[in-house]
Amino acid sequence: MVSIRLMRARALVPTSVLNGVLFNVTWFCIVASESGVFAPLFAALHLAIHFTLVGARREEVALIAMVTVLGFALDHLLFRLGVFTVGGELASPPLWMTSLWPVLSTTVLHAFSFLHGRYVLAVLFGALGGALSYTAGTSLTAVEFFDPAKGPLVLGLIWAVVFPLLLVMGARCTQREAIRRG
């Protein structure tokens, strides 16, 4: 029943728009929950809906796995360097925060597909979007910037690099799929 409704919605609204809306709803649910239990469940539900809408292509599943591992490593680095703290103390990134990475990765080939090959624009989207997303997240959770003024600037610089990198990874994924299909 849910699958039929999703397919009808897909027929009326472009997949990229549905993907963007689904990302934002899931992002909010994960961040608002701050839960190591519910956040992974929200991410799993997001992936199930995503793959129902677009199909579970092997290349995209691999992209989601790679982005999730990259994000996990980046979050750990940012926490270890003290860019983020919890209660003013050094900590490991919470599981709910790590759960955002597979959700974000579903947007690379869909909601953000219009940025493929437009890397200057992707740098701007990454810098602004990354800084704003983390700023919004820190305002809603126990995770804090080490410095409220410098933290968003650091994240903006990092995301000016990371976001175009994700798009390059997505483009390579699409190329591999095209080669495989021959």
C-alpha atoms as a PDB file:
ATOM      1  CA  MET A   1       0.000   0.000   0.000  1.00  0.00           C
ATOM      2  CA  VAL A   2       2.777   2.433   0.934  1.00  0.00           C
ATOM      3  CA  SER A   3       4.685   1.450  -2.215  1.00  0.00           C
ATOM      4  CA  ILE A   4       1.688   2.297  -4.411  1.00  0.00           C
ATOM      5  CA  ARG A   5       1.326   5.716  -2.759  1.00  0.00           C
ATOM      6  CA  LEU A   6       5.046   6.413  -3.221  1.00  0.00           C
ATOM      7  CA  MET A   7       4.855   5.460  -6.893  1.00  0.00           C
ATOM      8  CA  ARG A   8       1.862   7.774  -7.387  1.00  0.00           C
ATOM      9  CA  ALA A   9       3.717  10.604  -5.647  1.00  0.00           C
ATOM     10  CA  ARG A  10       6.742   9.939  -7.872  1.00  0.00           C
ATOM     11  CA  ALA A  11       4.545  10.239 -10.970  1.00  0.00           C
ATOM     12  CA  LEU A  12       3.357  13.702  -9.852  1.00  0.00           C
ATOM     13  CA  VAL A  13       6.575  15.109  -8.394  1.00  0.00           C
ATOM     14  CA  PRO A  14      10.095  14.690  -9.816  1.00  0.00           C
ATOM     15  CA  THR A  15      12.221  12.174  -7.922  1.00  0.00           C
ATOM     16  CA  SER A  16      14.836  14.842  -7.186  1.00  0.00           C
ATOM     17  CA  VAL A  17      12.231  16.969  -5.384  1.00  0.00           C
ATOM     18  CA  LEU A  18      10.879  13.995  -3.434  1.00  0.00           C
ATOM     19  CA  ASN A  19      14.446  13.073  -2.521  1.00  0.00           C
ATOM     20  CA  GLY A  20      15.169  16.587  -1.255  1.00  0.00           C
ATOM     21  CA  VAL A  21      11.987  16.710   0.813  1.00  0.00           C
ATOM     22  CA  LEU A  22      12.607  13.227   2.211  1.00  0.00           C
ATOM     23  CA  PHE A  23      16.169  14.222   3.135  1.00  0.00           C
ATOM     24  CA  ASN A  24      15.023  17.315   5.036  1.00  0.00           C
ATOM     25  CA  VAL A  25      12.272  15.463   6.903  1.00  0.00           C
ATOM     26  CA  THR A  26      14.661  12.661   7.867  1.00  0.00           C
ATOM     27  CA  TRP A  27      17.414  15.127   8.816  1.00  0.00           C
ATOM     28  CA  PHE A  28      15.028  16.865  11.208  1.00  0.00           C
ATOM     29  CA  CYS A  29      13.764  13.582  12.704  1.00  0.00           C
ATOM     30  CA  ILE A  30      17.311  12.349  13.326  1.00  0.00           C
ATOM     31  CA  VAL A  31      18.580  15.621  14.772  1.00  0.00           C
ATOM     32  CA  ALA A  32      15.488  16.214  16.905  1.00  0.00           C
ATOM     33  CA  SER A  33      15.646  12.677  18.263  1.00  0.00           C
ATOM     34  CA  GLU A  34      19.323  12.840  19.325  1.00  0.00           C
ATOM     35  CA  SER A  35      18.781   9.129  19.816  1.00  0.00           C
ATOM     36  CA  GLY A  36      21.265   6.353  19.258  1.00  0.00           C
ATOM     37  CA  VAL A  37      18.273   4.035  18.849  1.00  0.00           C
ATOM     38  CA  PHE A  38      15.785   6.007  16.771  1.00  0.00           C
ATOM     39  CA  ALA A  39      18.252   7.835  14.495  1.00  0.00           C
ATOM     40  CA  PRO A  40      19.533   4.640  12.816  1.00  0.00           C
ATOM     41  CA  LEU A  41      15.915   3.516  12.444  1.00  0.00           C
ATOM     42  CA  PHE A  42      15.008   6.827  10.789  1.00  0.00           C
ATOM     43  CA  ALA A  43      18.016   6.420   8.477  1.00  0.00           C
ATOM     44  CA  ALA A  44      16.987   2.840   7.613  1.00  0.00           C
ATOM     45  CA  LEU A  45      13.423   3.964   6.899  1.00  0.00           C
ATOM     46  CA  HIS A  46      14.796   6.778   4.728  1.00  0.00           C
ATOM     47  CA  LEU A  47      16.887   4.297   2.735  1.00  0.00           C
ATOM     48  CA  ALA A  48      13.913   1.938   2.336  1.00  0.00           C
ATOM     49  CA  ILE A  49      11.729   4.746   0.986  1.00  0.00           C
ATOM     50  CA  HIS A  50      14.561   6.037  -1.200  1.00  0.00           C
ATOM     51  CA  PHE A  51      15.204   2.640  -2.771  1.00  0.00           C
ATOM     52  CA  THR A  52      11.464   2.112  -3.258  1.00  0.00           C
ATOM     53  CA  LEU A  53      11.364   5.362  -5.230  1.00  0.00           C
ATOM     54  CA  VAL A  54      14.519   4.958  -7.316  1.00  0.00           C
ATOM     55  CA  GLY A  55      15.438   1.280  -7.121  1.00  0.00           C
ATOM     56  CA  ALA A  56      18.437  -0.201  -5.345  1.00  0.00           C
ATOM     57  CA  ARG A  57      21.146   0.046  -7.978  1.00  0.00           C
ATOM     58  CA  ARG A  58      24.433  -1.593  -7.026  1.00  0.00           C
ATOM     59  CA  GLU A  59      26.485   1.522  -7.829  1.00  0.00           C
ATOM     60  CA  GLU A  60      24.333   3.797  -5.689  1.00  0.00           C
ATOM     61  CA  VAL A  61      24.423   1.353  -2.774  1.00  0.00           C
ATOM     62  CA  ALA A  62      28.231   1.406  -3.056  1.00  0.00           C
ATOM     63  CA  LEU A  63      28.198   5.224  -3.170  1.00  0.00           C
ATOM     64  CA  ILE A  64      26.048   5.363  -0.030  1.00  0.00           C
ATOM     65  CA  ALA A  65      28.460   3.003   1.740  1.00  0.00           C
ATOM     66  CA  MET A  66      31.523   5.045   0.690  1.00  0.00           C
ATOM     67  CA  VAL A  67      29.969   8.369   1.709  1.00  0.00           C
ATOM     68  CA  THR A  68      28.881   6.911   5.048  1.00  0.00           C
ATOM     69  CA  VAL A  69      32.417   5.675   5.791  1.00  0.00           C
ATOM     70  CA  LEU A  70      33.914   9.020   4.695  1.00  0.00           C
ATOM     71  CA  GLY A  71      31.409  10.882   6.877  1.00  0.00           C
ATOM     72  CA  PHE A  72      32.053   8.647   9.858  1.00  0.00           C
ATOM     73  CA  ALA A  73      35.789   9.358   9.559  1.00  0.00           C
ATOM     74  CA  LEU A  74      35.234  13.096   9.074  1.00  0.00           C
ATOM     75  CA  ASP A  75      32.947  13.337  12.106  1.00  0.00           C
ATOM     76  CA  HIS A  76      35.494  11.482  14.249  1.00  0.00           C
ATOM     77  CA  LEU A  77      38.270  13.789  13.064  1.00  0.00           C
ATOM     78  CA  LEU A  78      36.213  16.914  13.782  1.00  0.00           C
ATOM     79  CA  PHE A  79      35.361  15.700  17.283  1.00  0.00           C
ATOM     80  CA  ARG A  80      38.954  14.601  18.026  1.00  0.00           C
ATOM     81  CA  LEU A  81      40.282  17.986  16.856  1.00  0.00           C
ATOM     82  CA  GLY A  82      37.777  19.708  19.119  1.00  0.00           C
ATOM     83  CA  VAL A  83      35.772  21.427  16.386  1.00  0.00           C
ATOM     84  CA  PHE A  84      32.743  19.870  18.074  1.00  0.00           C
ATOM     85  CA  THR A  85      32.261  19.168  21.747  1.00  0.00           C
ATOM     86  CA  VAL A  86      29.485  17.761  23.888  1.00  0.00           C
ATOM     87  CA  GLY A  87      28.959  19.764  27.055  1.00  0.00           C
ATOM     88  CA  GLY A  88      32.230  21.571  26.382  1.00  0.00           C
ATOM     89  CA  GLU A  89      34.192  18.311  26.534  1.00  0.00           C
ATOM     90  CA  LEU A  90      35.960  16.309  23.851  1.00  0.00           C
ATOM     91  CA  ALA A  91      33.796  13.362  22.849  1.00  0.00           C
ATOM     92  CA  SER A  92      33.126  10.921  20.054  1.00  0.00           C
ATOM     93  CA  PRO A  93      30.411  11.801  17.580  1.00  0.00           C
ATOM     94  CA  PRO A  94      27.030  10.520  18.718  1.00  0.00           C
ATOM     95  CA  LEU A  95      25.454   7.703  16.707  1.00  0.00           C
ATOM     96  CA  TRP A  96      22.552   9.929  15.720  1.00  0.00           C
ATOM     97  CA  MET A  97      25.004  12.297  13.995  1.00  0.00           C
ATOM     98  CA  THR A  98      26.653   9.451  12.097  1.00  0.00           C
ATOM     99  CA  SER A  99      23.181   8.326  10.986  1.00  0.00           C
ATOM    100  CA  LEU A 100      22.891  11.511   8.919  1.00  0.00           C
ATOM    101  CA  TRP A 101      25.572  10.380   6.444  1.00  0.00           C
ATOM    102  CA  PRO A 102      23.698   7.609   4.605  1.00  0.00           C
ATOM    103  CA  VAL A 103      20.703   9.937   4.442  1.00  0.00           C
ATOM    104  CA  LEU A 104      22.783  12.759   2.929  1.00  0.00           C
ATOM    105  CA  SER A 105      24.406  10.339   0.491  1.00  0.00           C
ATOM    106  CA  THR A 106      21.031   9.604  -1.127  1.00  0.00           C
ATOM    107  CA  THR A 107      20.886  13.216  -2.341  1.00  0.00           C
ATOM    108  CA  VAL A 108      24.117  13.093  -4.364  1.00  0.00           C
ATOM    109  CA  LEU A 109      22.557  11.496  -7.457  1.00  0.00           C
ATOM    110  CA  HIS A 110      19.089  12.972  -7.020  1.00  0.00           C
ATOM    111  CA  ALA A 111      18.336  16.228  -5.166  1.00  0.00           C
ATOM    112  CA  PHE A 112      21.764  17.629  -6.031  1.00  0.00           C
ATOM    113  CA  SER A 113      22.057  16.129  -9.512  1.00  0.00           C
ATOM    114  CA  PHE A 114      21.738  19.603 -11.033  1.00  0.00           C
ATOM    115  CA  LEU A 115      25.167  20.420  -9.549  1.00  0.00           C
ATOM    116  CA  HIS A 116      27.050  17.628 -11.332  1.00  0.00           C
ATOM    117  CA  GLY A 117      29.782  19.256 -13.397  1.00  0.00           C
ATOM    118  CA  ARG A 118      29.102  22.681 -11.825  1.00  0.00           C
ATOM    119  CA  TYR A 119      31.869  22.584  -9.285  1.00  0.00           C
ATOM    120  CA  VAL A 120      32.142  26.308  -8.553  1.00  0.00           C
ATOM    121  CA  LEU A 121      28.459  26.318  -7.664  1.00  0.00           C
ATOM    122  CA  ALA A 122      28.974  23.084  -5.692  1.00  0.00           C
ATOM    123  CA  VAL A 123      31.739  24.761  -3.661  1.00  0.00           C
ATOM    124  CA  LEU A 124      29.329  27.576  -2.771  1.00  0.00           C
ATOM    125  CA  PHE A 125      26.484  25.157  -1.973  1.00  0.00           C
ATOM    126  CA  GLY A 126      28.853  23.079   0.148  1.00  0.00           C
ATOM    127  CA  ALA A 127      30.282  26.022   2.059  1.00  0.00           C
ATOM    128  CA  LEU A 128      26.923  27.626   2.798  1.00  0.00           C
ATOM    129  CA  GLY A 129      24.871  24.459   3.163  1.00  0.00           C
ATOM    130  CA  GLY A 130      27.442  22.685   5.297  1.00  0.00           C
ATOM    131  CA  ALA A 131      27.892  25.617   7.665  1.00  0.00           C
ATOM    132  CA  LEU A 132      24.142  26.253   7.911  1.00  0.00           C
ATOM    133  CA  SER A 133      23.252  22.586   8.407  1.00  0.00           C
ATOM    134  CA  TYR A 134      25.754  22.122  11.222  1.00  0.00           C
ATOM    135  CA  THR A 135      24.781  25.454  12.784  1.00  0.00           C
ATOM    136  CA  ALA A 136      21.129  24.400  12.773  1.00  0.00           C
ATOM    137  CA  GLY A 137      22.074  20.999  14.177  1.00  0.00           C
ATOM    138  CA  THR A 138      24.132  22.460  17.004  1.00  0.00           C
ATOM    139  CA  SER A 139      21.299  24.820  17.932  1.00  0.00           C
ATOM    140  CA  LEU A 140      18.945  21.832  18.351  1.00  0.00           C
ATOM    141  CA  THR A 141      21.239  19.349  20.115  1.00  0.00           C
ATOM    142  CA  ALA A 142      23.853  18.866  22.835  1.00  0.00           C
ATOM    143  CA  VAL A 143      26.627  18.995  20.208  1.00  0.00           C
ATOM    144  CA  GLU A 144      28.360  22.382  20.228  1.00  0.00           C
ATOM    145  CA  PHE A 145      30.997  24.204  18.203  1.00  0.00           C
ATOM    146  CA  PHE A 146      34.274  24.722  20.082  1.00  0.00           C
ATOM    147  CA  ASP A 147      33.854  28.369  19.120  1.00  0.00           C
ATOM    148  CA  PRO A 148      30.439  29.595  17.921  1.00  0.00           C
ATOM    149  CA  ALA A 149      32.037  32.135  15.560  1.00  0.00           C
ATOM    150  CA  LYS A 150      34.876  30.025  14.138  1.00  0.00           C
ATOM    151  CA  GLY A 151      33.061  26.674  14.053  1.00  0.00           C
ATOM    152  CA  PRO A 152      30.724  27.533  11.158  1.00  0.00           C
ATOM    153  CA  LEU A 153      33.657  29.035   9.230  1.00  0.00           C
ATOM    154  CA  VAL A 154      35.698  25.846   9.671  1.00  0.00           C
ATOM    155  CA  LEU A 155      32.723  23.736   8.569  1.00  0.00           C
ATOM    156  CA  GLY A 156      32.099  26.020   5.599  1.00  0.00           C
ATOM    157  CA  LEU A 157      35.697  25.568   4.447  1.00  0.00           C
ATOM    158  CA  ILE A 158      35.557  21.802   4.933  1.00  0.00           C
ATOM    159  CA  TRP A 159      32.247  21.469   3.096  1.00  0.00           C
ATOM    160  CA  ALA A 160      33.515  23.650   0.248  1.00  0.00           C
ATOM    161  CA  VAL A 161      35.817  20.682  -0.436  1.00  0.00           C
ATOM    162  CA  VAL A 162      33.717  17.733   0.769  1.00  0.00           C
ATOM    163  CA  PHE A 163      30.545  18.532  -1.155  1.00  0.00           C
ATOM    164  CA  PRO A 164      32.183  18.749  -4.617  1.00  0.00           C
ATOM    165  CA  LEU A 165      34.089  15.559  -3.720  1.00  0.00           C
ATOM    166  CA  LEU A 166      30.759  13.821  -3.056  1.00  0.00           C
ATOM    167  CA  LEU A 167      29.519  14.995  -6.457  1.00  0.00           C
ATOM    168  CA  VAL A 168      32.664  13.618  -8.131  1.00  0.00           C
ATOM    169  CA  MET A 169      32.079  10.314  -6.340  1.00  0.00           C
ATOM    170  CA  GLY A 170      28.489  10.380  -7.621  1.00  0.00           C
ATOM    171  CA  ALA A 171      29.607  11.082 -11.184  1.00  0.00           C
ATOM    172  CA  ARG A 172      32.007   8.137 -11.062  1.00  0.00           C
ATOM    173  CA  CYS A 173      29.213   5.968  -9.730  1.00  0.00           C
ATOM    174  CA  THR A 174      27.030   6.985 -12.674  1.00  0.00           C
ATOM    175  CA  GLN A 175      29.878   6.301 -15.125  1.00  0.00           C
ATOM    176  CA  ARG A 176      30.443   2.810 -13.681  1.00  0.00           C
ATOM    177  CA  GLU A 177      26.737   2.088 -13.985  1.00  0.00           C
ATOM    178  CA  ALA A 178      26.721   3.226 -17.626  1.00  0.00           C
ATOM    179  CA  ILE A 179      29.740   1.038 -18.405  1.00  0.00           C
ATOM    180  CA  ARG A 180      28.159  -1.945 -16.660  1.00  0.00           C
ATOM    181  CA  ARG A 181      24.945  -1.528 -18.613  1.00  0.00           C
ATOM    182  CA  GLY A 182      27.032  -1.216 -21.761  1.00  0.00           C
END
